[in-house]
Amino acid sequence: MSSETINPMDLSGCHILVTGASDGLGAEISRAAARAGAKVVLSARRKEKLEALEAEIKDNGGEALAVSMDVSDEASTIAGFDAAEAAFGPLHGLVANAGISADAWVVDQSTEDFDRTMSVNLRGVFLSVREAGRRIMKQDEAHQKRGRVVINASFTAHETFSTLSAYAASKAGAVQYGRVTAREWARSGINVNVLCPGYLSTPMTDPLFNSPAGEKFKAKFPRRRVMSADALNDMTVFLLSDASKYITGSVFTLDDGQSL
């Protein structure tokens, strides 16, 4: 038995790209990856918010680069990865985090909102994961074995909540896309795993949970709370690290017991 001890929170020497990094979960995960020693490329459509986060990470001794990227657009995604590699060299990992929601009852859901949700939450996962895989696979075997992809889906992929049909369907698709990709890439050494978080405090969810209706909804959870925005940090860093080398194709629910 090997006596080697691997620090699960060490990303030293790794180059990680995070989509949807401008706020919420993406910003928190980016900070955590930088603290763990990674060079972090911050990608989203709103570059001004990314630049503020880039400055913050650099002020704290980390390495970061803000890159404007629309994950629903193929050319923009390719250009974003080009910029990342020009700055920090070969890619090691991706956190496919970008996501939107257009809540509506099924009979009221517009085609435009449904398509927009799918374009970011599912097409965006496809484009960013595919691009990451293509680039990691160009490297030598040792580099490929350090390849890591983490897809942020949602526990709505397997739980039912009214008005979230489009969002939930897109996240269920992302889960299965990740599992099939993990199977295809298993021999390359690249790990692909999926996180399904419950409700967290983010700019997307705060308006709901700060309302009277949201308080009643929250009271139904066993712990009567939503998770803080940094709740995924440790698990994400672990899945990006060398300590997770034997984990691929797994789907993890992190919901503070909200689905119990």
C-alpha atoms as a PDB file:
ATOM      1  CA  MET A   1       0.000   0.000   0.000  1.00  0.00           C
ATOM      2  CA  SER A   2       1.320   3.428  -0.942  1.00  0.00           C
ATOM      3  CA  SER A   3       2.169   5.739   1.921  1.00  0.00           C
ATOM      4  CA  GLU A   4       1.766   8.782  -0.326  1.00  0.00           C
ATOM      5  CA  THR A   5      -0.417  11.474   1.194  1.00  0.00           C
ATOM      6  CA  ILE A   6      -2.167  13.840  -1.188  1.00  0.00           C
ATOM      7  CA  ASN A   7      -3.521  17.142   0.041  1.00  0.00           C
ATOM      8  CA  PRO A   8      -7.123  17.265  -1.242  1.00  0.00           C
ATOM      9  CA  MET A   9      -7.105  21.040  -1.080  1.00  0.00           C
ATOM     10  CA  ASP A  10      -3.926  21.611  -3.116  1.00  0.00           C
ATOM     11  CA  LEU A  11      -4.263  22.834  -6.702  1.00  0.00           C
ATOM     12  CA  SER A  12      -0.720  24.151  -7.020  1.00  0.00           C
ATOM     13  CA  GLY A  13       0.419  24.207 -10.636  1.00  0.00           C
ATOM     14  CA  CYS A  14      -3.098  23.679 -11.999  1.00  0.00           C
ATOM     15  CA  HIS A  15      -4.837  25.879 -14.541  1.00  0.00           C
ATOM     16  CA  ILE A  16      -8.594  25.950 -13.941  1.00  0.00           C
ATOM     17  CA  LEU A  17     -11.316  27.696 -15.968  1.00  0.00           C
ATOM     18  CA  VAL A  18     -14.602  28.564 -14.241  1.00  0.00           C
ATOM     19  CA  THR A  19     -17.688  29.522 -16.234  1.00  0.00           C
ATOM     20  CA  GLY A  20     -20.325  31.805 -14.741  1.00  0.00           C
ATOM     21  CA  ALA A  21     -17.654  33.270 -12.463  1.00  0.00           C
ATOM     22  CA  SER A  22     -19.004  36.813 -12.240  1.00  0.00           C
ATOM     23  CA  ASP A  23     -20.966  36.268  -9.009  1.00  0.00           C
ATOM     24  CA  GLY A  24     -22.626  33.685  -6.769  1.00  0.00           C
ATOM     25  CA  LEU A  25     -21.285  30.139  -6.817  1.00  0.00           C
ATOM     26  CA  GLY A  26     -18.854  30.784  -9.660  1.00  0.00           C
ATOM     27  CA  ALA A  27     -17.156  33.653  -7.851  1.00  0.00           C
ATOM     28  CA  GLU A  28     -16.921  31.675  -4.602  1.00  0.00           C
ATOM     29  CA  ILE A  29     -15.487  28.614  -6.355  1.00  0.00           C
ATOM     30  CA  SER A  30     -12.971  30.808  -8.188  1.00  0.00           C
ATOM     31  CA  ARG A  31     -11.768  32.327  -4.916  1.00  0.00           C
ATOM     32  CA  ALA A  32     -11.449  28.860  -3.377  1.00  0.00           C
ATOM     33  CA  ALA A  33      -9.485  27.471  -6.338  1.00  0.00           C
ATOM     34  CA  ALA A  34      -7.121  30.445  -6.227  1.00  0.00           C
ATOM     35  CA  ARG A  35      -6.592  30.000  -2.476  1.00  0.00           C
ATOM     36  CA  ALA A  36      -5.733  26.352  -3.180  1.00  0.00           C
ATOM     37  CA  GLY A  37      -2.976  27.483  -5.531  1.00  0.00           C
ATOM     38  CA  ALA A  38      -4.600  27.272  -8.966  1.00  0.00           C
ATOM     39  CA  LYS A  39      -4.269  29.743 -11.775  1.00  0.00           C
ATOM     40  CA  VAL A  40      -7.916  30.623 -12.351  1.00  0.00           C
ATOM     41  CA  VAL A  41      -9.545  31.903 -15.511  1.00  0.00           C
ATOM     42  CA  LEU A  42     -12.753  33.731 -14.651  1.00  0.00           C
ATOM     43  CA  SER A  43     -15.251  33.582 -17.489  1.00  0.00           C
ATOM     44  CA  ALA A  44     -18.708  35.078 -17.943  1.00  0.00           C
ATOM     45  CA  ARG A  45     -20.472  37.572 -20.165  1.00  0.00           C
ATOM     46  CA  ARG A  46     -20.120  40.507 -17.731  1.00  0.00           C
ATOM     47  CA  LYS A  47     -16.415  41.266 -17.879  1.00  0.00           C
ATOM     48  CA  GLU A  48     -16.576  44.308 -15.594  1.00  0.00           C
ATOM     49  CA  LYS A  49     -17.625  42.112 -12.649  1.00  0.00           C
ATOM     50  CA  LEU A  50     -14.957  39.577 -13.554  1.00  0.00           C
ATOM     51  CA  GLU A  51     -12.268  42.250 -13.538  1.00  0.00           C
ATOM     52  CA  ALA A  52     -13.193  43.239  -9.992  1.00  0.00           C
ATOM     53  CA  LEU A  53     -12.887  39.595  -8.909  1.00  0.00           C
ATOM     54  CA  GLU A  54      -9.593  39.244 -10.770  1.00  0.00           C
ATOM     55  CA  ALA A  55      -8.226  42.241  -8.871  1.00  0.00           C
ATOM     56  CA  GLU A  56      -9.454  40.828  -5.562  1.00  0.00           C
ATOM     57  CA  ILE A  57      -7.769  37.464  -6.143  1.00  0.00           C
ATOM     58  CA  LYS A  58      -4.518  39.107  -7.189  1.00  0.00           C
ATOM     59  CA  ASP A  59      -4.597  41.394  -4.147  1.00  0.00           C
ATOM     60  CA  ASN A  60      -4.790  38.243  -2.009  1.00  0.00           C
ATOM     61  CA  GLY A  61      -1.748  36.711  -3.692  1.00  0.00           C
ATOM     62  CA  GLY A  62      -3.493  34.519  -6.243  1.00  0.00           C
ATOM     63  CA  GLU A  63      -3.342  34.306 -10.022  1.00  0.00           C
ATOM     64  CA  ALA A  64      -6.441  35.077 -12.086  1.00  0.00           C
ATOM     65  CA  LEU A  65      -7.530  36.304 -15.492  1.00  0.00           C
ATOM     66  CA  ALA A  66     -10.910  37.759 -16.479  1.00  0.00           C
ATOM     67  CA  VAL A  67     -12.172  36.552 -19.871  1.00  0.00           C
ATOM     68  CA  SER A  68     -15.441  37.556 -21.511  1.00  0.00           C
ATOM     69  CA  MET A  69     -17.166  34.365 -22.683  1.00  0.00           C
ATOM     70  CA  ASP A  70     -20.714  33.388 -23.619  1.00  0.00           C
ATOM     71  CA  VAL A  71     -20.991  29.630 -23.068  1.00  0.00           C
ATOM     72  CA  SER A  72     -24.029  29.391 -25.328  1.00  0.00           C
ATOM     73  CA  ASP A  73     -21.967  30.642 -28.286  1.00  0.00           C
ATOM     74  CA  GLU A  74     -19.401  28.292 -29.852  1.00  0.00           C
ATOM     75  CA  ALA A  75     -17.068  30.960 -31.215  1.00  0.00           C
ATOM     76  CA  SER A  76     -17.083  32.880 -27.937  1.00  0.00           C
ATOM     77  CA  THR A  77     -16.352  29.702 -25.972  1.00  0.00           C
ATOM     78  CA  ILE A  78     -13.423  28.737 -28.201  1.00  0.00           C
ATOM     79  CA  ALA A  79     -12.034  32.282 -27.988  1.00  0.00           C
ATOM     80  CA  GLY A  80     -12.308  32.199 -24.200  1.00  0.00           C
ATOM     81  CA  PHE A  81     -10.333  28.964 -23.956  1.00  0.00           C
ATOM     82  CA  ASP A  82      -7.758  30.386 -26.393  1.00  0.00           C
ATOM     83  CA  ALA A  83      -7.273  33.400 -24.133  1.00  0.00           C
ATOM     84  CA  ALA A  84      -6.979  31.155 -21.078  1.00  0.00           C
ATOM     85  CA  GLU A  85      -4.244  29.017 -22.591  1.00  0.00           C
ATOM     86  CA  ALA A  86      -2.393  32.037 -23.971  1.00  0.00           C
ATOM     87  CA  ALA A  87      -2.189  33.421 -20.443  1.00  0.00           C
ATOM     88  CA  PHE A  88      -1.671  30.341 -18.270  1.00  0.00           C
ATOM     89  CA  GLY A  89      -0.644  27.499 -20.579  1.00  0.00           C
ATOM     90  CA  PRO A  90      -2.308  24.086 -20.935  1.00  0.00           C
ATOM     91  CA  LEU A  91      -5.629  23.633 -19.168  1.00  0.00           C
ATOM     92  CA  HIS A  92      -5.993  21.157 -16.304  1.00  0.00           C
ATOM     93  CA  GLY A  93      -9.579  21.615 -15.208  1.00  0.00           C
ATOM     94  CA  LEU A  94     -12.988  23.120 -15.855  1.00  0.00           C
ATOM     95  CA  VAL A  95     -15.843  24.043 -13.568  1.00  0.00           C
ATOM     96  CA  ALA A  96     -18.925  24.270 -15.812  1.00  0.00           C
ATOM     97  CA  ASN A  97     -21.000  26.484 -13.560  1.00  0.00           C
ATOM     98  CA  ALA A  98     -22.794  29.006 -15.770  1.00  0.00           C
ATOM     99  CA  GLY A  99     -26.548  28.806 -15.435  1.00  0.00           C
ATOM    100  CA  ILE A 100     -29.797  30.769 -15.630  1.00  0.00           C
ATOM    101  CA  SER A 101     -33.421  30.184 -14.730  1.00  0.00           C
ATOM    102  CA  ALA A 102     -36.681  31.408 -16.227  1.00  0.00           C
ATOM    103  CA  ASP A 103     -39.319  30.272 -13.743  1.00  0.00           C
ATOM    104  CA  ALA A 104     -42.837  29.775 -15.051  1.00  0.00           C
ATOM    105  CA  TRP A 105     -45.730  27.374 -14.915  1.00  0.00           C
ATOM    106  CA  VAL A 106     -45.564  24.946 -17.830  1.00  0.00           C
ATOM    107  CA  VAL A 107     -48.628  26.400 -19.573  1.00  0.00           C
ATOM    108  CA  ASP A 108     -47.165  29.904 -19.265  1.00  0.00           C
ATOM    109  CA  GLN A 109     -43.567  29.112 -20.278  1.00  0.00           C
ATOM    110  CA  SER A 110     -42.532  30.987 -23.390  1.00  0.00           C
ATOM    111  CA  THR A 111     -40.589  29.237 -26.105  1.00  0.00           C
ATOM    112  CA  GLU A 112     -37.987  31.990 -25.932  1.00  0.00           C
ATOM    113  CA  ASP A 113     -37.353  31.509 -22.204  1.00  0.00           C
ATOM    114  CA  PHE A 114     -37.258  27.722 -22.563  1.00  0.00           C
ATOM    115  CA  ASP A 115     -34.727  27.940 -25.390  1.00  0.00           C
ATOM    116  CA  ARG A 116     -32.619  30.515 -23.540  1.00  0.00           C
ATOM    117  CA  THR A 117     -32.473  28.292 -20.462  1.00  0.00           C
ATOM    118  CA  MET A 118     -31.395  25.292 -22.514  1.00  0.00           C
ATOM    119  CA  SER A 119     -28.836  27.331 -24.459  1.00  0.00           C
ATOM    120  CA  VAL A 120     -26.934  28.279 -21.291  1.00  0.00           C
ATOM    121  CA  ASN A 121     -27.590  25.366 -18.932  1.00  0.00           C
ATOM    122  CA  LEU A 122     -27.231  22.485 -21.383  1.00  0.00           C
ATOM    123  CA  ARG A 123     -25.703  23.753 -24.620  1.00  0.00           C
ATOM    124  CA  GLY A 124     -23.282  25.789 -22.487  1.00  0.00           C
ATOM    125  CA  VAL A 125     -22.192  22.660 -20.615  1.00  0.00           C
ATOM    126  CA  PHE A 126     -21.757  20.817 -23.916  1.00  0.00           C
ATOM    127  CA  LEU A 127     -19.641  23.551 -25.499  1.00  0.00           C
ATOM    128  CA  SER A 128     -17.414  24.247 -22.504  1.00  0.00           C
ATOM    129  CA  VAL A 129     -16.889  20.587 -21.527  1.00  0.00           C
ATOM    130  CA  ARG A 130     -16.175  19.575 -25.111  1.00  0.00           C
ATOM    131  CA  GLU A 131     -13.659  22.385 -25.509  1.00  0.00           C
ATOM    132  CA  ALA A 132     -11.930  21.523 -22.237  1.00  0.00           C
ATOM    133  CA  GLY A 133     -11.668  17.867 -23.223  1.00  0.00           C
ATOM    134  CA  ARG A 134     -10.252  18.624 -26.649  1.00  0.00           C
ATOM    135  CA  ARG A 135      -7.509  20.762 -25.139  1.00  0.00           C
ATOM    136  CA  ILE A 136      -6.609  18.454 -22.264  1.00  0.00           C
ATOM    137  CA  MET A 137      -6.429  15.483 -24.648  1.00  0.00           C
ATOM    138  CA  LYS A 138      -3.772  17.289 -26.698  1.00  0.00           C
ATOM    139  CA  GLN A 139      -1.381  17.056 -23.753  1.00  0.00           C
ATOM    140  CA  ASP A 140       0.779  14.107 -22.694  1.00  0.00           C
ATOM    141  CA  GLU A 141      -0.568  11.174 -20.677  1.00  0.00           C
ATOM    142  CA  ALA A 142       0.560  12.534 -17.313  1.00  0.00           C
ATOM    143  CA  HIS A 143      -1.217  15.832 -17.966  1.00  0.00           C
ATOM    144  CA  GLN A 144      -4.378  14.091 -19.121  1.00  0.00           C
ATOM    145  CA  LYS A 145      -4.506  12.055 -15.916  1.00  0.00           C
ATOM    146  CA  ARG A 146      -4.691  15.338 -14.003  1.00  0.00           C
ATOM    147  CA  GLY A 147      -7.599  16.476 -16.186  1.00  0.00           C
ATOM    148  CA  ARG A 148     -10.688  17.342 -14.165  1.00  0.00           C
ATOM    149  CA  VAL A 149     -14.178  18.491 -15.160  1.00  0.00           C
ATOM    150  CA  VAL A 150     -16.799  19.431 -12.585  1.00  0.00           C
ATOM    151  CA  ILE A 151     -20.320  20.207 -13.812  1.00  0.00           C
ATOM    152  CA  ASN A 152     -22.598  22.164 -11.496  1.00  0.00           C
ATOM    153  CA  ALA A 153     -26.121  20.877 -12.037  1.00  0.00           C
ATOM    154  CA  SER A 154     -28.886  20.980  -9.403  1.00  0.00           C
ATOM    155  CA  PHE A 155     -30.873  18.697  -7.157  1.00  0.00           C
ATOM    156  CA  THR A 156     -33.866  19.743  -9.248  1.00  0.00           C
ATOM    157  CA  ALA A 157     -32.470  17.244 -11.763  1.00  0.00           C
ATOM    158  CA  HIS A 158     -34.066  14.553  -9.574  1.00  0.00           C
ATOM    159  CA  GLU A 159     -36.482  16.525  -7.358  1.00  0.00           C
ATOM    160  CA  THR A 160     -39.700  18.202  -8.520  1.00  0.00           C
ATOM    161  CA  PHE A 161     -40.516  21.860  -7.863  1.00  0.00           C
ATOM    162  CA  SER A 162     -43.316  23.719  -9.594  1.00  0.00           C
ATOM    163  CA  THR A 163     -42.369  26.461 -12.092  1.00  0.00           C
ATOM    164  CA  LEU A 164     -38.878  24.966 -12.616  1.00  0.00           C
ATOM    165  CA  SER A 165     -39.640  22.601 -15.495  1.00  0.00           C
ATOM    166  CA  ALA A 166     -37.212  24.151 -18.004  1.00  0.00           C
ATOM    167  CA  TYR A 167     -34.471  24.655 -15.418  1.00  0.00           C
ATOM    168  CA  ALA A 168     -34.871  21.135 -14.006  1.00  0.00           C
ATOM    169  CA  ALA A 169     -34.901  19.547 -17.461  1.00  0.00           C
ATOM    170  CA  SER A 170     -31.723  21.395 -18.430  1.00  0.00           C
ATOM    171  CA  LYS A 171     -29.987  20.268 -15.229  1.00  0.00           C
ATOM    172  CA  ALA A 172     -31.127  16.654 -15.653  1.00  0.00           C
ATOM    173  CA  GLY A 173     -29.642  16.784 -19.134  1.00  0.00           C
ATOM    174  CA  ALA A 174     -26.387  18.150 -17.735  1.00  0.00           C
ATOM    175  CA  VAL A 175     -26.195  15.285 -15.235  1.00  0.00           C
ATOM    176  CA  GLN A 176     -26.538  12.604 -17.886  1.00  0.00           C
ATOM    177  CA  TYR A 177     -24.251  14.476 -20.265  1.00  0.00           C
ATOM    178  CA  GLY A 178     -21.580  14.428 -17.563  1.00  0.00           C
ATOM    179  CA  ARG A 179     -21.992  10.711 -16.844  1.00  0.00           C
ATOM    180  CA  VAL A 180     -21.778   9.715 -20.509  1.00  0.00           C
ATOM    181  CA  THR A 181     -18.780  11.990 -21.042  1.00  0.00           C
ATOM    182  CA  ALA A 182     -17.052  10.393 -18.035  1.00  0.00           C
ATOM    183  CA  ARG A 183     -17.576   6.974 -19.657  1.00  0.00           C
ATOM    184  CA  GLU A 184     -16.165   8.147 -23.002  1.00  0.00           C
ATOM    185  CA  TRP A 185     -13.140   9.823 -21.415  1.00  0.00           C
ATOM    186  CA  ALA A 186     -12.346   7.157 -18.829  1.00  0.00           C
ATOM    187  CA  ARG A 187      -9.364   5.734 -20.715  1.00  0.00           C
ATOM    188  CA  SER A 188      -7.920   9.196 -21.333  1.00  0.00           C
ATOM    189  CA  GLY A 189      -7.627   9.697 -17.583  1.00  0.00           C
ATOM    190  CA  ILE A 190      -9.839  12.791 -17.489  1.00  0.00           C
ATOM    191  CA  ASN A 191     -12.305  12.718 -14.599  1.00  0.00           C
ATOM    192  CA  VAL A 192     -15.807  14.127 -15.087  1.00  0.00           C
ATOM    193  CA  ASN A 193     -18.104  14.518 -12.088  1.00  0.00           C
ATOM    194  CA  VAL A 194     -21.372  16.314 -11.398  1.00  0.00           C
ATOM    195  CA  LEU A 195     -22.504  18.284  -8.363  1.00  0.00           C
ATOM    196  CA  CYS A 196     -26.226  18.656  -7.648  1.00  0.00           C
ATOM    197  CA  PRO A 197     -26.557  21.403  -5.051  1.00  0.00           C
ATOM    198  CA  GLY A 198     -29.734  22.322  -3.251  1.00  0.00           C
ATOM    199  CA  TYR A 199     -30.792  25.880  -2.614  1.00  0.00           C
ATOM    200  CA  LEU A 200     -27.984  28.279  -1.785  1.00  0.00           C
ATOM    201  CA  SER A 201     -27.863  31.983  -1.088  1.00  0.00           C
ATOM    202  CA  THR A 202     -27.007  33.551  -4.445  1.00  0.00           C
ATOM    203  CA  PRO A 203     -28.096  36.631  -6.417  1.00  0.00           C
ATOM    204  CA  MET A 204     -30.466  34.280  -8.316  1.00  0.00           C
ATOM    205  CA  THR A 205     -32.199  32.886  -5.210  1.00  0.00           C
ATOM    206  CA  ASP A 206     -31.960  35.677  -2.631  1.00  0.00           C
ATOM    207  CA  PRO A 207     -35.032  37.579  -3.905  1.00  0.00           C
ATOM    208  CA  LEU A 208     -37.128  34.454  -3.328  1.00  0.00           C
ATOM    209  CA  PHE A 209     -35.804  33.505   0.094  1.00  0.00           C
ATOM    210  CA  ASN A 210     -35.900  37.074   1.385  1.00  0.00           C
ATOM    211  CA  SER A 211     -39.643  37.240   0.641  1.00  0.00           C
ATOM    212  CA  PRO A 212     -42.530  36.019   2.841  1.00  0.00           C
ATOM    213  CA  ALA A 213     -43.224  33.195   0.383  1.00  0.00           C
ATOM    214  CA  GLY A 214     -39.555  32.243   0.476  1.00  0.00           C
ATOM    215  CA  GLU A 215     -39.554  32.120   4.259  1.00  0.00           C
ATOM    216  CA  LYS A 216     -42.462  29.660   4.178  1.00  0.00           C
ATOM    217  CA  PHE A 217     -40.680  27.571   1.549  1.00  0.00           C
ATOM    218  CA  LYS A 218     -37.466  27.547   3.602  1.00  0.00           C
ATOM    219  CA  ALA A 219     -39.382  26.459   6.711  1.00  0.00           C
ATOM    220  CA  LYS A 220     -40.199  23.172   4.939  1.00  0.00           C
ATOM    221  CA  PHE A 221     -36.538  22.178   4.763  1.00  0.00           C
ATOM    222  CA  PRO A 222     -35.395  19.900   7.627  1.00  0.00           C
ATOM    223  CA  ARG A 223     -32.797  22.476   8.730  1.00  0.00           C
ATOM    224  CA  ARG A 224     -34.989  25.456   7.791  1.00  0.00           C
ATOM    225  CA  ARG A 225     -32.217  27.246   5.962  1.00  0.00           C
ATOM    226  CA  VAL A 226     -30.532  27.677   2.613  1.00  0.00           C
ATOM    227  CA  MET A 227     -26.826  27.030   2.238  1.00  0.00           C
ATOM    228  CA  SER A 228     -24.262  29.804   2.039  1.00  0.00           C
ATOM    229  CA  ALA A 229     -22.781  30.590  -1.373  1.00  0.00           C
ATOM    230  CA  ASP A 230     -19.466  28.949  -0.454  1.00  0.00           C
ATOM    231  CA  ALA A 231     -21.054  25.565   0.362  1.00  0.00           C
ATOM    232  CA  LEU A 232     -19.650  23.876  -2.758  1.00  0.00           C
ATOM    233  CA  ASN A 233     -16.092  25.151  -2.400  1.00  0.00           C
ATOM    234  CA  ASP A 234     -14.465  22.250  -0.569  1.00  0.00           C
ATOM    235  CA  MET A 235     -16.101  19.540  -2.675  1.00  0.00           C
ATOM    236  CA  THR A 236     -15.249  21.337  -5.913  1.00  0.00           C
ATOM    237  CA  VAL A 237     -11.607  21.856  -4.968  1.00  0.00           C
ATOM    238  CA  PHE A 238     -11.377  18.197  -3.928  1.00  0.00           C
ATOM    239  CA  LEU A 239     -12.786  17.025  -7.271  1.00  0.00           C
ATOM    240  CA  LEU A 240     -10.279  19.246  -9.095  1.00  0.00           C
ATOM    241  CA  SER A 241      -7.354  17.918  -7.059  1.00  0.00           C
ATOM    242  CA  ASP A 242      -5.108  14.864  -7.422  1.00  0.00           C
ATOM    243  CA  ALA A 243      -6.845  13.360  -4.392  1.00  0.00           C
ATOM    244  CA  SER A 244      -9.902  12.605  -6.553  1.00  0.00           C
ATOM    245  CA  LYS A 245      -7.992  10.549  -9.133  1.00  0.00           C
ATOM    246  CA  TYR A 246     -10.242   7.499  -8.623  1.00  0.00           C
ATOM    247  CA  ILE A 247     -13.528   9.393  -8.863  1.00  0.00           C
ATOM    248  CA  THR A 248     -15.239   9.829 -12.223  1.00  0.00           C
ATOM    249  CA  GLY A 249     -18.800   9.590 -13.475  1.00  0.00           C
ATOM    250  CA  SER A 250     -20.157  10.313 -10.005  1.00  0.00           C
ATOM    251  CA  VAL A 251     -23.115  12.531  -9.171  1.00  0.00           C
ATOM    252  CA  PHE A 252     -23.048  14.171  -5.749  1.00  0.00           C
ATOM    253  CA  THR A 253     -26.045  15.776  -4.060  1.00  0.00           C
ATOM    254  CA  LEU A 254     -25.089  18.572  -1.665  1.00  0.00           C
ATOM    255  CA  ASP A 255     -28.331  19.987  -0.313  1.00  0.00           C
ATOM    256  CA  ASP A 256     -28.046  20.204   3.488  1.00  0.00           C
ATOM    257  CA  GLY A 257     -30.829  17.634   3.680  1.00  0.00           C
ATOM    258  CA  GLN A 258     -33.289  19.784   1.728  1.00  0.00           C
ATOM    259  CA  SER A 259     -34.514  16.779  -0.280  1.00  0.00           C
ATOM    260  CA  LEU A 260     -35.116  14.577   2.782  1.00  0.00           C
END
